[in-house]
Every structure is written in structure tokens, then in C-alpha cells.
């Protein structure tokens, strides 16, 4: 969920009220991250049945809420569910790891443990696409399978990655599963 906008009139954060005024209060206010959670698209985002909440509900709650993310084929909620399940992998809980930069835009993390699948996390942290050479990813044996990807990625779970180069779009992250390191 995104932080909600809280007007000067609705501000309750003592620090923002003490240090700010109606033009600068948002520099100090913690209220935007304290707005009610968006459970669903009902009144007050399902947070309260009251007529009014202590802080205002963000205006985007009909489109961005947990119930909708549970129903969507791809959502942040579903990405997190997959990542939580992935944490149980032996390579992640007991394996060795490497973190390396592939460029000034992209880095990777590899977790590996003999006889268990290798897990590779690739992150493009820039605001532009980046083509990387997969041969530079240590401990990665191709082909690899996409386990999960960021919600705006064109790749989906089950896709096979087997080429020499891979282009990651701006802000894209993918998790790959590969054969155990030999």
C-alpha cells in the first residue's frame, strides 16, 4: 500500500504540528505512513466501520487493497507469498552466498549449497534497462527457471532463461532456480 496524503487540517503528528506550518508540515510528518491499511474496497478500506478514521484513508484504496491483490494474477502480495515460501529452501537457509555487481545498474546475489538447487536473485536498481552477461554470474549453471519476478516484469514463474545475455528492465528483479553447483 502507498502512504496516504494527510492535509494540514487532518495532521495529528505532534512533531509535524510543532515544527511545521501548512507549507512545511509534510517534511516532519509521520502521518502519511500511519494512514489506515487498505483491507478491501469497502467503506474506510475495511479498516473501520466508523464514519471517520483518526487519519484519512488514502484515496486509491478502491484500486489498491489486499483483497484485490489476493485476486490479481500478479501482485505484490503474491510476490511476497512466493518469497516467504522460498525462504525454506536449504540453499537459502544454510548455503554459501555471493553478492556482486554486474554493472552500475545491476547486481546479483547467489545462494548455493552442494546437492541443492542454486538460487540467484538479479536486481536492476536503475531507471533504465540493462543487458547483462549471464556467464558473469558466478555459480549459475544454465538453463535456469524463473521462480518469481517483480510485478512489472515480462517474465513469469516457470519461464526458462538459457541465453547468454539477459535484459532487465528498469527496476526489474527476478529470482532464478538453477541446477546445483557442480
N, C-alpha and C. Protein backbone atom coordinates (compact mmCIF):
# COMPACT_ATOMS: atom_id res chain seq x y z
N UNK A 1 0.83 -1.17 0.00
CA UNK A 1 0.00 0.00 0.00
C UNK A 1 0.88 1.24 0.00
N UNK A 2 0.38 2.26 -0.60
CA UNK A 2 1.10 3.53 -0.63
C UNK A 2 0.72 4.35 0.59
N UNK A 3 1.62 5.26 0.97
CA UNK A 3 1.29 6.21 2.03
C UNK A 3 0.15 7.09 1.55
N UNK A 4 -0.74 7.44 2.47
CA UNK A 4 -1.85 8.32 2.13
C UNK A 4 -1.46 9.78 2.33
N UNK A 5 -2.15 10.65 1.63
CA UNK A 5 -1.93 12.08 1.81
C UNK A 5 -2.72 12.53 3.03
N UNK A 6 -2.08 13.31 3.89
CA UNK A 6 -2.75 13.86 5.07
C UNK A 6 -2.60 15.38 5.01
N UNK A 7 -3.72 16.06 4.93
CA UNK A 7 -3.68 17.53 4.84
C UNK A 7 -3.24 18.13 6.18
N UNK A 8 -2.90 19.40 6.14
CA UNK A 8 -2.52 20.12 7.36
C UNK A 8 -3.67 20.06 8.38
N UNK A 9 -4.89 20.19 7.90
CA UNK A 9 -6.06 20.18 8.78
C UNK A 9 -6.25 18.83 9.46
N UNK A 10 -5.86 17.74 8.78
CA UNK A 10 -6.03 16.39 9.33
C UNK A 10 -4.79 15.88 10.07
N UNK A 11 -3.71 16.64 10.06
CA UNK A 11 -2.47 16.20 10.69
C UNK A 11 -2.65 16.07 12.20
N UNK A 12 -2.16 14.94 12.73
CA UNK A 12 -2.18 14.73 14.18
C UNK A 12 -0.78 14.49 14.74
N UNK A 13 0.20 14.30 13.87
CA UNK A 13 1.58 14.07 14.31
C UNK A 13 2.08 15.29 15.08
N UNK A 14 2.40 15.08 16.35
CA UNK A 14 2.81 16.17 17.23
C UNK A 14 4.06 16.87 16.69
N UNK A 15 5.02 16.10 16.20
CA UNK A 15 6.26 16.69 15.68
C UNK A 15 5.98 17.58 14.47
N UNK A 16 5.12 17.13 13.58
CA UNK A 16 4.78 17.93 12.40
C UNK A 16 4.06 19.21 12.80
N UNK A 17 3.18 19.11 13.76
CA UNK A 17 2.45 20.29 14.23
C UNK A 17 3.38 21.27 14.94
N UNK A 18 4.34 20.73 15.69
CA UNK A 18 5.26 21.58 16.44
C UNK A 18 6.28 22.27 15.54
N UNK A 19 6.83 21.53 14.57
CA UNK A 19 7.93 22.06 13.76
C UNK A 19 7.49 22.67 12.44
N UNK A 20 6.33 22.31 11.97
CA UNK A 20 5.93 22.75 10.63
C UNK A 20 4.83 23.79 10.65
N UNK A 21 4.45 24.16 9.46
CA UNK A 21 3.28 25.01 9.24
C UNK A 21 2.56 24.41 8.04
N UNK A 22 1.52 25.04 7.55
CA UNK A 22 0.74 24.42 6.48
C UNK A 22 1.51 24.23 5.17
N UNK A 23 2.71 24.77 5.07
CA UNK A 23 3.52 24.57 3.86
C UNK A 23 4.67 23.59 4.07
N UNK A 24 5.12 23.40 5.31
CA UNK A 24 6.30 22.56 5.56
C UNK A 24 6.02 21.34 6.43
N UNK A 25 4.80 21.16 6.90
CA UNK A 25 4.50 20.08 7.84
C UNK A 25 4.84 18.69 7.31
N UNK A 26 4.71 18.47 5.99
CA UNK A 26 4.99 17.15 5.43
C UNK A 26 6.47 16.76 5.53
N UNK A 27 7.35 17.74 5.71
CA UNK A 27 8.76 17.43 5.92
C UNK A 27 8.98 16.70 7.23
N UNK A 28 8.10 16.89 8.19
CA UNK A 28 8.25 16.33 9.53
C UNK A 28 7.21 15.28 9.88
N UNK A 29 6.14 15.22 9.12
CA UNK A 29 5.01 14.37 9.49
C UNK A 29 5.26 12.89 9.23
N UNK A 30 4.87 12.09 10.20
CA UNK A 30 4.88 10.63 10.05
C UNK A 30 3.48 10.12 9.75
N UNK A 31 2.51 11.02 9.69
CA UNK A 31 1.12 10.62 9.46
C UNK A 31 0.89 9.88 8.14
N UNK A 32 1.51 10.27 7.02
CA UNK A 32 1.21 9.56 5.77
C UNK A 32 1.43 8.05 5.85
N UNK A 33 2.45 7.60 6.57
CA UNK A 33 2.69 6.15 6.68
C UNK A 33 1.83 5.51 7.77
N UNK A 34 1.06 6.30 8.48
CA UNK A 34 0.19 5.79 9.54
C UNK A 34 -1.28 5.74 9.12
N UNK A 35 -1.56 6.08 7.88
CA UNK A 35 -2.95 6.05 7.43
C UNK A 35 -3.48 4.62 7.46
N UNK A 36 -4.80 4.43 7.53
CA UNK A 36 -5.38 3.09 7.66
C UNK A 36 -4.99 2.14 6.54
N UNK A 37 -4.80 0.88 6.92
CA UNK A 37 -4.46 -0.17 5.97
C UNK A 37 -5.65 -0.43 5.04
N UNK A 38 -5.37 -0.73 3.79
CA UNK A 38 -6.40 -0.98 2.78
C UNK A 38 -6.72 -2.48 2.73
N UNK A 39 -7.67 -2.91 3.51
CA UNK A 39 -8.03 -4.32 3.51
C UNK A 39 -8.84 -4.69 2.28
N UNK A 40 -9.78 -3.81 1.91
CA UNK A 40 -10.64 -4.09 0.76
C UNK A 40 -11.19 -2.77 0.21
N UNK A 41 -12.16 -2.84 -0.68
CA UNK A 41 -12.68 -1.61 -1.29
C UNK A 41 -13.98 -1.13 -0.63
N UNK A 42 -14.28 -1.62 0.56
CA UNK A 42 -15.48 -1.16 1.26
C UNK A 42 -15.20 0.17 1.98
N UNK A 43 -16.19 0.68 2.67
CA UNK A 43 -16.06 1.95 3.40
C UNK A 43 -14.82 1.93 4.29
N UNK A 44 -14.08 3.02 4.25
CA UNK A 44 -12.84 3.16 5.03
C UNK A 44 -11.85 2.03 4.77
N UNK A 45 -11.88 1.49 3.57
CA UNK A 45 -10.96 0.44 3.13
C UNK A 45 -11.04 -0.82 3.99
N UNK A 46 -12.19 -1.00 4.67
CA UNK A 46 -12.35 -2.17 5.53
C UNK A 46 -11.61 -2.05 6.85
N UNK A 47 -11.01 -0.91 7.09
CA UNK A 47 -10.22 -0.69 8.31
C UNK A 47 -11.12 -0.41 9.51
N UNK A 48 -12.23 0.28 9.27
CA UNK A 48 -13.13 0.68 10.35
C UNK A 48 -14.54 0.80 9.81
N UNK A 49 -15.50 0.47 10.66
CA UNK A 49 -16.90 0.64 10.27
C UNK A 49 -17.43 2.01 10.70
N UNK A 50 -16.59 2.78 11.35
CA UNK A 50 -16.99 4.12 11.79
C UNK A 50 -17.19 5.07 10.62
N UNK A 51 -17.75 6.23 10.93
CA UNK A 51 -17.97 7.25 9.91
C UNK A 51 -16.67 7.92 9.49
N UNK A 52 -15.71 7.95 10.40
CA UNK A 52 -14.45 8.65 10.14
C UNK A 52 -13.32 7.91 10.85
N UNK A 53 -12.17 7.87 10.24
CA UNK A 53 -11.00 7.28 10.89
C UNK A 53 -10.13 8.40 11.45
N UNK A 54 -9.26 8.04 12.37
CA UNK A 54 -8.39 9.02 13.02
C UNK A 54 -7.59 9.80 11.99
N UNK A 55 -7.00 9.09 11.05
CA UNK A 55 -6.33 9.69 9.89
C UNK A 55 -7.13 9.31 8.65
N UNK A 56 -7.10 10.13 7.61
CA UNK A 56 -7.90 9.81 6.42
C UNK A 56 -7.37 8.58 5.69
N UNK A 57 -8.28 7.87 5.06
CA UNK A 57 -7.93 6.72 4.23
C UNK A 57 -7.43 7.26 2.90
N UNK A 58 -6.35 6.67 2.37
CA UNK A 58 -5.82 7.11 1.07
C UNK A 58 -6.88 6.93 -0.01
N UNK A 59 -6.90 7.84 -0.95
CA UNK A 59 -7.95 7.86 -1.97
C UNK A 59 -7.88 6.69 -2.95
N UNK A 60 -6.72 6.04 -3.06
CA UNK A 60 -6.59 4.96 -4.04
C UNK A 60 -7.01 3.58 -3.51
N UNK A 61 -7.63 3.53 -2.32
CA UNK A 61 -7.95 2.24 -1.72
C UNK A 61 -8.90 1.37 -2.55
N UNK A 62 -9.81 1.92 -3.39
CA UNK A 62 -10.64 1.01 -4.18
C UNK A 62 -9.83 0.18 -5.19
N UNK A 63 -8.71 0.73 -5.66
CA UNK A 63 -7.88 0.01 -6.64
C UNK A 63 -6.72 -0.72 -5.98
N UNK A 64 -6.22 -0.19 -4.88
CA UNK A 64 -5.05 -0.78 -4.23
C UNK A 64 -5.44 -1.22 -2.83
N UNK A 65 -5.70 -2.53 -2.69
CA UNK A 65 -6.07 -3.09 -1.39
C UNK A 65 -5.73 -4.57 -1.38
N UNK A 66 -5.68 -5.14 -0.19
CA UNK A 66 -5.27 -6.53 -0.04
C UNK A 66 -6.22 -7.49 -0.76
N UNK A 67 -7.51 -7.30 -0.64
CA UNK A 67 -8.46 -8.21 -1.29
C UNK A 67 -8.22 -8.26 -2.80
N UNK A 68 -7.99 -7.11 -3.41
CA UNK A 68 -7.73 -7.06 -4.85
C UNK A 68 -6.41 -7.76 -5.18
N UNK A 69 -5.39 -7.54 -4.36
CA UNK A 69 -4.10 -8.18 -4.62
C UNK A 69 -4.19 -9.70 -4.49
N UNK A 70 -5.03 -10.18 -3.60
CA UNK A 70 -5.22 -11.63 -3.48
C UNK A 70 -5.89 -12.20 -4.73
N UNK A 71 -6.78 -11.42 -5.36
CA UNK A 71 -7.49 -11.86 -6.55
C UNK A 71 -6.68 -11.70 -7.84
N UNK A 72 -5.78 -10.73 -7.88
CA UNK A 72 -4.99 -10.47 -9.09
C UNK A 72 -4.03 -11.62 -9.38
N UNK A 73 -3.80 -11.87 -10.66
CA UNK A 73 -2.85 -12.92 -11.05
C UNK A 73 -1.43 -12.57 -10.60
N UNK A 74 -1.07 -11.28 -10.68
CA UNK A 74 0.25 -10.81 -10.24
C UNK A 74 0.04 -9.62 -9.33
N UNK A 75 0.69 -9.67 -8.18
CA UNK A 75 0.57 -8.56 -7.22
C UNK A 75 1.75 -8.62 -6.26
N UNK A 76 1.95 -7.53 -5.55
CA UNK A 76 3.00 -7.51 -4.53
C UNK A 76 2.72 -8.58 -3.47
N UNK A 77 1.48 -8.76 -3.10
CA UNK A 77 1.11 -9.77 -2.11
C UNK A 77 1.57 -11.15 -2.57
N UNK A 78 1.31 -11.49 -3.83
CA UNK A 78 1.68 -12.82 -4.33
C UNK A 78 3.20 -12.97 -4.45
N UNK A 79 3.89 -11.89 -4.80
CA UNK A 79 5.36 -11.94 -4.82
C UNK A 79 5.88 -12.26 -3.42
N UNK A 80 5.36 -11.56 -2.41
CA UNK A 80 5.80 -11.81 -1.04
C UNK A 80 5.46 -13.22 -0.59
N UNK A 81 4.30 -13.74 -0.94
CA UNK A 81 3.96 -15.12 -0.59
C UNK A 81 5.00 -16.09 -1.15
N UNK A 82 5.37 -15.90 -2.40
CA UNK A 82 6.36 -16.78 -3.03
C UNK A 82 7.72 -16.64 -2.35
N UNK A 83 8.12 -15.41 -2.05
CA UNK A 83 9.42 -15.20 -1.39
C UNK A 83 9.45 -15.83 0.00
N UNK A 84 8.34 -15.77 0.72
CA UNK A 84 8.28 -16.39 2.05
C UNK A 84 8.45 -17.90 1.94
N UNK A 85 7.78 -18.52 0.96
CA UNK A 85 7.95 -19.97 0.75
C UNK A 85 9.39 -20.30 0.36
N UNK A 86 9.98 -19.45 -0.45
CA UNK A 86 11.35 -19.66 -0.93
C UNK A 86 12.36 -19.65 0.22
N UNK A 87 12.07 -18.92 1.28
CA UNK A 87 12.99 -18.84 2.42
C UNK A 87 13.28 -20.21 3.03
N UNK A 88 12.40 -21.19 2.80
CA UNK A 88 12.57 -22.52 3.37
C UNK A 88 13.58 -23.37 2.60
N UNK A 89 14.02 -22.90 1.45
CA UNK A 89 14.99 -23.63 0.64
C UNK A 89 16.30 -23.79 1.42
N UNK A 90 16.86 -24.99 1.38
CA UNK A 90 18.12 -25.26 2.10
C UNK A 90 19.25 -24.34 1.63
N UNK A 91 19.31 -24.07 0.34
CA UNK A 91 20.37 -23.19 -0.17
C UNK A 91 20.27 -21.80 0.44
N UNK A 92 19.06 -21.33 0.70
CA UNK A 92 18.89 -20.01 1.28
C UNK A 92 19.15 -20.01 2.78
N UNK A 93 18.75 -21.05 3.46
CA UNK A 93 18.91 -21.06 4.92
C UNK A 93 20.28 -21.53 5.38
N UNK A 94 20.94 -22.37 4.59
CA UNK A 94 22.22 -22.94 5.02
C UNK A 94 23.37 -22.74 4.04
N UNK A 95 23.09 -22.20 2.88
CA UNK A 95 24.09 -22.15 1.82
C UNK A 95 25.08 -21.00 1.92
N UNK A 96 26.08 -21.11 1.08
CA UNK A 96 27.06 -20.04 0.90
C UNK A 96 26.40 -18.95 0.07
N UNK A 97 26.97 -17.75 0.09
CA UNK A 97 26.40 -16.71 -0.75
C UNK A 97 27.47 -15.81 -1.33
N UNK A 98 27.12 -15.22 -2.46
CA UNK A 98 27.95 -14.24 -3.15
C UNK A 98 27.07 -13.07 -3.53
N UNK A 99 27.61 -11.88 -3.40
CA UNK A 99 26.93 -10.68 -3.89
C UNK A 99 27.92 -9.95 -4.78
N UNK A 100 27.51 -9.66 -6.00
CA UNK A 100 28.41 -8.99 -6.94
C UNK A 100 27.63 -8.00 -7.79
N UNK A 101 28.31 -6.97 -8.24
CA UNK A 101 27.75 -6.04 -9.22
C UNK A 101 28.09 -6.54 -10.61
N UNK A 102 27.13 -6.51 -11.50
CA UNK A 102 27.37 -6.85 -12.90
C UNK A 102 27.60 -5.59 -13.72
N UNK A 103 27.09 -4.49 -13.24
CA UNK A 103 27.24 -3.19 -13.90
C UNK A 103 26.90 -2.13 -12.85
N UNK A 104 26.87 -0.89 -13.28
CA UNK A 104 26.47 0.15 -12.32
C UNK A 104 24.96 0.20 -12.15
N UNK A 105 24.24 -0.68 -12.84
CA UNK A 105 22.78 -0.74 -12.73
C UNK A 105 22.29 -2.03 -12.09
N UNK A 106 23.02 -3.10 -12.27
CA UNK A 106 22.53 -4.42 -11.90
C UNK A 106 23.50 -5.15 -10.98
N UNK A 107 22.93 -5.79 -9.95
CA UNK A 107 23.73 -6.65 -9.10
C UNK A 107 22.98 -7.96 -8.88
N UNK A 108 23.69 -8.94 -8.34
CA UNK A 108 23.06 -10.23 -8.08
C UNK A 108 23.51 -10.77 -6.74
N UNK A 109 22.69 -11.68 -6.23
CA UNK A 109 23.01 -12.44 -5.03
C UNK A 109 22.78 -13.90 -5.38
N UNK A 110 23.74 -14.75 -5.06
CA UNK A 110 23.63 -16.18 -5.31
C UNK A 110 23.71 -16.90 -3.98
N UNK A 111 22.80 -17.85 -3.76
CA UNK A 111 22.87 -18.74 -2.59
C UNK A 111 23.00 -20.15 -3.15
N UNK A 112 24.00 -20.88 -2.66
CA UNK A 112 24.24 -22.22 -3.19
C UNK A 112 24.69 -23.15 -2.07
N UNK A 113 24.34 -24.41 -2.23
CA UNK A 113 24.70 -25.46 -1.28
C UNK A 113 24.78 -26.75 -2.07
N UNK A 114 25.88 -27.45 -1.92
CA UNK A 114 26.11 -28.68 -2.70
C UNK A 114 24.89 -29.60 -2.61
N UNK A 115 24.50 -30.13 -3.71
CA UNK A 115 23.37 -31.05 -3.94
C UNK A 115 21.99 -30.39 -3.87
N UNK A 116 21.92 -29.10 -3.61
CA UNK A 116 20.64 -28.38 -3.61
C UNK A 116 20.63 -27.37 -4.74
N UNK A 117 19.44 -27.06 -5.23
CA UNK A 117 19.33 -26.06 -6.30
C UNK A 117 19.97 -24.74 -5.88
N UNK A 118 20.58 -24.08 -6.85
CA UNK A 118 21.16 -22.75 -6.64
C UNK A 118 20.06 -21.71 -6.87
N UNK A 119 20.03 -20.71 -6.01
CA UNK A 119 19.05 -19.63 -6.12
C UNK A 119 19.81 -18.35 -6.46
N UNK A 120 19.38 -17.67 -7.53
CA UNK A 120 20.03 -16.44 -7.99
C UNK A 120 19.00 -15.32 -8.00
N UNK A 121 19.33 -14.22 -7.36
CA UNK A 121 18.48 -13.03 -7.36
C UNK A 121 19.17 -11.96 -8.18
N UNK A 122 18.51 -11.46 -9.20
CA UNK A 122 19.05 -10.42 -10.07
C UNK A 122 18.22 -9.15 -9.89
N UNK A 123 18.90 -8.02 -9.71
CA UNK A 123 18.22 -6.75 -9.45
C UNK A 123 18.76 -5.66 -10.37
N UNK A 124 17.91 -5.01 -11.12
CA UNK A 124 18.28 -3.79 -11.84
C UNK A 124 17.73 -2.64 -11.01
N UNK A 125 18.61 -1.90 -10.37
CA UNK A 125 18.19 -0.83 -9.47
C UNK A 125 18.15 0.54 -10.15
N UNK A 126 18.36 0.57 -11.44
CA UNK A 126 18.41 1.83 -12.18
C UNK A 126 17.06 2.16 -12.81
N UNK A 127 16.99 3.34 -13.39
CA UNK A 127 15.77 3.76 -14.08
C UNK A 127 15.88 3.57 -15.59
N UNK A 128 16.76 2.68 -16.00
CA UNK A 128 16.93 2.33 -17.42
C UNK A 128 17.21 0.84 -17.51
N UNK A 129 16.91 0.24 -18.66
CA UNK A 129 17.16 -1.19 -18.83
C UNK A 129 18.66 -1.47 -18.85
N UNK A 130 19.00 -2.73 -18.61
CA UNK A 130 20.41 -3.13 -18.57
C UNK A 130 20.52 -4.56 -19.11
N UNK A 131 21.40 -4.77 -20.07
CA UNK A 131 21.65 -6.11 -20.59
C UNK A 131 22.91 -6.65 -19.94
N UNK A 132 22.76 -7.82 -19.34
CA UNK A 132 23.88 -8.42 -18.59
C UNK A 132 24.29 -9.73 -19.24
N UNK A 133 25.56 -10.08 -19.01
CA UNK A 133 26.09 -11.36 -19.48
C UNK A 133 25.92 -12.37 -18.36
N UNK A 134 25.07 -13.37 -18.59
CA UNK A 134 24.81 -14.35 -17.56
C UNK A 134 26.04 -15.19 -17.22
N UNK A 135 26.99 -15.29 -18.13
CA UNK A 135 28.21 -16.06 -17.84
C UNK A 135 29.02 -15.41 -16.72
N UNK A 136 28.76 -14.14 -16.42
CA UNK A 136 29.47 -13.45 -15.34
C UNK A 136 28.85 -13.71 -13.97
N UNK A 137 27.69 -14.37 -13.95
CA UNK A 137 27.04 -14.69 -12.67
C UNK A 137 27.67 -15.97 -12.14
N UNK A 138 28.48 -15.84 -11.11
CA UNK A 138 29.18 -16.98 -10.54
C UNK A 138 28.19 -18.00 -9.97
N UNK A 139 28.53 -19.27 -10.12
CA UNK A 139 27.75 -20.39 -9.60
C UNK A 139 26.42 -20.62 -10.31
N UNK A 140 26.17 -19.91 -11.41
CA UNK A 140 24.92 -20.10 -12.16
C UNK A 140 25.18 -21.02 -13.34
N UNK A 141 24.46 -22.15 -13.36
CA UNK A 141 24.52 -23.07 -14.49
C UNK A 141 23.19 -23.00 -15.23
N UNK A 142 23.27 -22.66 -16.51
CA UNK A 142 22.05 -22.54 -17.31
C UNK A 142 21.66 -23.89 -17.88
N UNK A 143 20.40 -24.14 -18.15
CA UNK A 143 19.31 -23.20 -18.04
C UNK A 143 18.86 -23.00 -16.59
N UNK A 144 18.18 -21.90 -16.37
CA UNK A 144 17.61 -21.60 -15.05
C UNK A 144 16.12 -21.32 -15.24
N UNK A 145 15.38 -21.47 -14.18
CA UNK A 145 13.94 -21.26 -14.22
C UNK A 145 13.56 -20.08 -13.34
N UNK A 146 12.68 -19.24 -13.84
CA UNK A 146 12.19 -18.11 -13.05
C UNK A 146 11.28 -18.65 -11.94
N UNK A 147 11.59 -18.27 -10.71
CA UNK A 147 10.76 -18.64 -9.56
C UNK A 147 9.71 -17.56 -9.32
N UNK A 148 10.16 -16.32 -9.33
CA UNK A 148 9.28 -15.17 -9.12
C UNK A 148 9.95 -13.95 -9.72
N UNK A 149 9.13 -12.98 -10.09
CA UNK A 149 9.67 -11.74 -10.65
C UNK A 149 8.86 -10.56 -10.13
N UNK A 150 9.45 -9.38 -10.25
CA UNK A 150 8.73 -8.17 -9.84
C UNK A 150 7.47 -8.04 -10.69
N UNK A 151 6.48 -7.34 -10.18
CA UNK A 151 5.16 -7.38 -10.81
C UNK A 151 5.10 -6.75 -12.20
N UNK A 152 6.06 -5.91 -12.55
CA UNK A 152 6.04 -5.29 -13.87
C UNK A 152 6.95 -6.02 -14.87
N UNK A 153 7.52 -7.12 -14.44
CA UNK A 153 8.40 -7.90 -15.31
C UNK A 153 7.57 -8.62 -16.37
N UNK A 154 8.18 -8.85 -17.52
CA UNK A 154 7.52 -9.65 -18.56
C UNK A 154 7.73 -11.14 -18.30
N UNK A 155 8.62 -11.47 -17.40
CA UNK A 155 8.90 -12.87 -17.08
C UNK A 155 7.95 -13.35 -15.99
N UNK A 156 7.57 -14.62 -16.09
CA UNK A 156 6.68 -15.19 -15.08
C UNK A 156 7.27 -16.49 -14.56
N UNK A 157 6.77 -16.93 -13.43
CA UNK A 157 7.24 -18.19 -12.84
C UNK A 157 7.13 -19.31 -13.86
N UNK A 158 8.21 -20.09 -13.96
CA UNK A 158 8.25 -21.20 -14.90
C UNK A 158 8.98 -20.89 -16.19
N UNK A 159 9.18 -19.62 -16.51
CA UNK A 159 9.94 -19.27 -17.72
C UNK A 159 11.35 -19.81 -17.60
N UNK A 160 11.91 -20.22 -18.74
CA UNK A 160 13.29 -20.72 -18.78
C UNK A 160 14.21 -19.63 -19.29
N UNK A 161 15.31 -19.45 -18.60
CA UNK A 161 16.35 -18.50 -19.00
C UNK A 161 17.54 -19.34 -19.43
N UNK A 162 17.91 -19.25 -20.72
CA UNK A 162 19.02 -20.08 -21.18
C UNK A 162 19.96 -19.37 -22.13
N UNK A 163 19.76 -18.11 -22.37
CA UNK A 163 20.61 -17.37 -23.29
C UNK A 163 21.85 -16.81 -22.62
N UNK A 164 22.75 -16.31 -23.43
CA UNK A 164 24.00 -15.72 -22.94
C UNK A 164 23.75 -14.36 -22.28
N UNK A 165 22.84 -13.58 -22.88
CA UNK A 165 22.55 -12.24 -22.36
C UNK A 165 21.11 -12.18 -21.87
N UNK A 166 20.90 -11.31 -20.90
CA UNK A 166 19.57 -11.12 -20.33
C UNK A 166 19.37 -9.63 -20.12
N UNK A 167 18.26 -9.10 -20.61
CA UNK A 167 17.95 -7.69 -20.40
C UNK A 167 16.95 -7.57 -19.27
N UNK A 168 17.34 -6.80 -18.26
CA UNK A 168 16.44 -6.48 -17.15
C UNK A 168 15.95 -5.06 -17.36
N UNK A 169 14.66 -4.88 -17.28
CA UNK A 169 14.08 -3.54 -17.44
C UNK A 169 14.34 -2.72 -16.17
N UNK A 170 14.13 -1.43 -16.27
CA UNK A 170 14.32 -0.53 -15.12
C UNK A 170 13.52 -1.03 -13.93
N UNK A 171 14.18 -1.19 -12.79
CA UNK A 171 13.52 -1.61 -11.56
C UNK A 171 13.12 -3.07 -11.51
N UNK A 172 13.49 -3.85 -12.50
CA UNK A 172 13.08 -5.26 -12.54
C UNK A 172 13.97 -6.11 -11.65
N UNK A 173 13.33 -7.08 -11.01
CA UNK A 173 14.05 -8.07 -10.21
C UNK A 173 13.48 -9.44 -10.54
N UNK A 174 14.35 -10.44 -10.61
CA UNK A 174 13.89 -11.81 -10.83
C UNK A 174 14.68 -12.75 -9.93
N UNK A 175 14.03 -13.84 -9.57
CA UNK A 175 14.66 -14.90 -8.79
C UNK A 175 14.69 -16.13 -9.68
N UNK A 176 15.87 -16.73 -9.81
CA UNK A 176 16.06 -17.90 -10.66
C UNK A 176 16.43 -19.11 -9.82
N UNK A 177 16.05 -20.29 -10.31
CA UNK A 177 16.46 -21.56 -9.72
C UNK A 177 17.26 -22.29 -10.79
N UNK A 178 18.43 -22.79 -10.39
CA UNK A 178 19.29 -23.50 -11.34
C UNK A 178 19.77 -24.80 -10.72
N UNK A 179 20.36 -25.65 -11.56
CA UNK A 179 20.91 -26.91 -11.08
C UNK A 179 21.91 -26.65 -9.97
N UNK A 180 22.11 -27.63 -9.11
CA UNK A 180 23.13 -27.46 -8.07
C UNK A 180 24.50 -27.20 -8.67
N UNK A 181 25.30 -26.46 -7.94
CA UNK A 181 26.67 -26.17 -8.37
C UNK A 181 27.45 -27.47 -8.39
N UNK A 182 28.17 -27.72 -9.48
CA UNK A 182 28.94 -28.96 -9.57
C UNK A 182 30.31 -28.81 -8.97
